[in-house]
Amino acid sequence: MEMLAPVLLILGGVIVFVGAIWFLIESFRESILWGLGCLIFAPVQLVFLILHWGVAKKPFGLQLLGFAIMFLGAWFTDSRSVPTY
């Protein structure tokens, strides 16, 4: 079980990264301004998600899945193996 936690954390991180890149691609497909806004200023992503739900829901869902997998990885992490300072 202790080997499962790092695998889940890495897998979840990769899935979140892929979802974020996909989200940026969809925003750039809409327009250059949306893409640059989402890239430079993070709150614009929320506005894009709401206004363009049809194209943004799949990459957003993929990011949520990645965060859920990372949460499971953190849940399985042995708290005794984490150094305390």
C-alpha atoms as a PDB file:
ATOM      1  CA  MET A   1       0.000   0.000   0.000  1.00  0.00           C
ATOM      2  CA  GLU A   2       2.919   2.352   0.627  1.00  0.00           C
ATOM      3  CA  MET A   3       3.994   2.163  -3.024  1.00  0.00           C
ATOM      4  CA  LEU A   4       0.495   3.061  -4.188  1.00  0.00           C
ATOM      5  CA  ALA A   5       0.548   6.598  -2.752  1.00  0.00           C
ATOM      6  CA  PRO A   6       3.412   8.016  -4.862  1.00  0.00           C
ATOM      7  CA  VAL A   7       2.053   6.343  -7.989  1.00  0.00           C
ATOM      8  CA  LEU A   8      -1.364   7.915  -7.434  1.00  0.00           C
ATOM      9  CA  LEU A   9       0.159  11.312  -6.700  1.00  0.00           C
ATOM     10  CA  ILE A  10       2.251  11.259  -9.882  1.00  0.00           C
ATOM     11  CA  LEU A  11      -0.570   9.854 -12.009  1.00  0.00           C
ATOM     12  CA  GLY A  12      -2.991  12.465 -10.686  1.00  0.00           C
ATOM     13  CA  GLY A  13      -0.488  15.237 -11.336  1.00  0.00           C
ATOM     14  CA  VAL A  14       0.012  14.108 -14.920  1.00  0.00           C
ATOM     15  CA  ILE A  15      -3.749  13.953 -15.478  1.00  0.00           C
ATOM     16  CA  VAL A  16      -4.204  17.462 -14.039  1.00  0.00           C
ATOM     17  CA  PHE A  17      -1.402  18.734 -16.285  1.00  0.00           C
ATOM     18  CA  VAL A  18      -2.936  17.155 -19.396  1.00  0.00           C
ATOM     19  CA  GLY A  19      -6.336  18.615 -18.488  1.00  0.00           C
ATOM     20  CA  ALA A  20      -4.821  22.076 -17.991  1.00  0.00           C
ATOM     21  CA  ILE A  21      -3.071  21.968 -21.368  1.00  0.00           C
ATOM     22  CA  TRP A  22      -6.282  20.748 -23.027  1.00  0.00           C
ATOM     23  CA  PHE A  23      -8.186  23.607 -21.357  1.00  0.00           C
ATOM     24  CA  LEU A  24      -5.669  26.130 -22.712  1.00  0.00           C
ATOM     25  CA  ILE A  25      -5.902  24.616 -26.180  1.00  0.00           C
ATOM     26  CA  GLU A  26      -9.688  24.979 -26.103  1.00  0.00           C
ATOM     27  CA  SER A  27      -9.421  28.593 -24.952  1.00  0.00           C
ATOM     28  CA  PHE A  28      -6.969  29.407 -27.752  1.00  0.00           C
ATOM     29  CA  ARG A  29      -9.306  27.703 -30.239  1.00  0.00           C
ATOM     30  CA  GLU A  30     -12.037  30.114 -29.158  1.00  0.00           C
ATOM     31  CA  SER A  31      -9.807  33.156 -29.684  1.00  0.00           C
ATOM     32  CA  ILE A  32      -6.295  34.405 -29.087  1.00  0.00           C
ATOM     33  CA  LEU A  33      -7.570  36.805 -26.420  1.00  0.00           C
ATOM     34  CA  TRP A  34      -9.306  34.042 -24.463  1.00  0.00           C
ATOM     35  CA  GLY A  35      -6.190  31.904 -24.686  1.00  0.00           C
ATOM     36  CA  LEU A  36      -3.868  34.654 -23.529  1.00  0.00           C
ATOM     37  CA  GLY A  37      -6.272  35.651 -20.782  1.00  0.00           C
ATOM     38  CA  CYS A  38      -6.462  32.088 -19.479  1.00  0.00           C
ATOM     39  CA  LEU A  39      -2.703  31.704 -19.707  1.00  0.00           C
ATOM     40  CA  ILE A  40      -1.778  34.960 -17.975  1.00  0.00           C
ATOM     41  CA  PHE A  41      -4.609  35.659 -15.532  1.00  0.00           C
ATOM     42  CA  ALA A  42      -6.065  32.571 -13.814  1.00  0.00           C
ATOM     43  CA  PRO A  43      -9.516  33.985 -12.885  1.00  0.00           C
ATOM     44  CA  VAL A  44     -10.236  34.334 -16.604  1.00  0.00           C
ATOM     45  CA  GLN A  45     -10.290  30.529 -16.727  1.00  0.00           C
ATOM     46  CA  LEU A  46     -13.341  30.495 -14.472  1.00  0.00           C
ATOM     47  CA  VAL A  47     -15.108  33.006 -16.701  1.00  0.00           C
ATOM     48  CA  PHE A  48     -14.181  30.965 -19.774  1.00  0.00           C
ATOM     49  CA  LEU A  49     -15.434  27.799 -18.088  1.00  0.00           C
ATOM     50  CA  ILE A  50     -18.810  29.373 -17.343  1.00  0.00           C
ATOM     51  CA  LEU A  51     -19.284  31.080 -20.701  1.00  0.00           C
ATOM     52  CA  HIS A  52     -17.971  28.202 -22.835  1.00  0.00           C
ATOM     53  CA  TRP A  53     -19.134  25.211 -20.826  1.00  0.00           C
ATOM     54  CA  GLY A  54     -19.708  23.105 -23.941  1.00  0.00           C
ATOM     55  CA  VAL A  55     -16.054  23.031 -24.947  1.00  0.00           C
ATOM     56  CA  ALA A  56     -14.500  23.420 -21.492  1.00  0.00           C
ATOM     57  CA  LYS A  57     -16.373  20.746 -19.548  1.00  0.00           C
ATOM     58  CA  LYS A  58     -14.257  17.776 -20.669  1.00  0.00           C
ATOM     59  CA  PRO A  59     -10.838  19.287 -19.851  1.00  0.00           C
ATOM     60  CA  PHE A  60     -12.251  20.627 -16.583  1.00  0.00           C
ATOM     61  CA  GLY A  61     -13.616  17.192 -15.721  1.00  0.00           C
ATOM     62  CA  LEU A  62     -10.245  15.644 -16.494  1.00  0.00           C
ATOM     63  CA  GLN A  63      -8.599  18.082 -14.090  1.00  0.00           C
ATOM     64  CA  LEU A  64     -11.133  17.206 -11.391  1.00  0.00           C
ATOM     65  CA  LEU A  65     -10.416  13.521 -11.939  1.00  0.00           C
ATOM     66  CA  GLY A  66      -6.692  14.178 -11.578  1.00  0.00           C
ATOM     67  CA  PHE A  67      -7.232  16.097  -8.345  1.00  0.00           C
ATOM     68  CA  ALA A  68      -9.377  13.240  -7.005  1.00  0.00           C
ATOM     69  CA  ILE A  69      -6.615  10.735  -7.796  1.00  0.00           C
ATOM     70  CA  MET A  70      -4.057  13.002  -6.120  1.00  0.00           C
ATOM     71  CA  PHE A  71      -6.333  13.244  -3.078  1.00  0.00           C
ATOM     72  CA  LEU A  72      -6.451   9.450  -2.881  1.00  0.00           C
ATOM     73  CA  GLY A  73      -2.670   9.350  -3.128  1.00  0.00           C
ATOM     74  CA  ALA A  74      -2.366  11.831  -0.291  1.00  0.00           C
ATOM     75  CA  TRP A  75      -4.895   9.816   1.711  1.00  0.00           C
ATOM     76  CA  PHE A  76      -2.794   6.654   1.367  1.00  0.00           C
ATOM     77  CA  THR A  77       0.429   8.430   2.311  1.00  0.00           C
ATOM     78  CA  ASP A  78       1.837   7.147   5.562  1.00  0.00           C
ATOM     79  CA  SER A  79       2.006  10.121   7.911  1.00  0.00           C
ATOM     80  CA  ARG A  80       4.973   8.552   9.732  1.00  0.00           C
ATOM     81  CA  SER A  81       7.104   8.805   6.576  1.00  0.00           C
ATOM     82  CA  VAL A  82       6.646  12.575   6.288  1.00  0.00           C
ATOM     83  CA  PRO A  83       9.440  14.460   8.062  1.00  0.00           C
ATOM     84  CA  THR A  84       8.440  16.932  10.731  1.00  0.00           C
ATOM     85  CA  TYR A  85      10.509  20.002  11.445  1.00  0.00           C
END
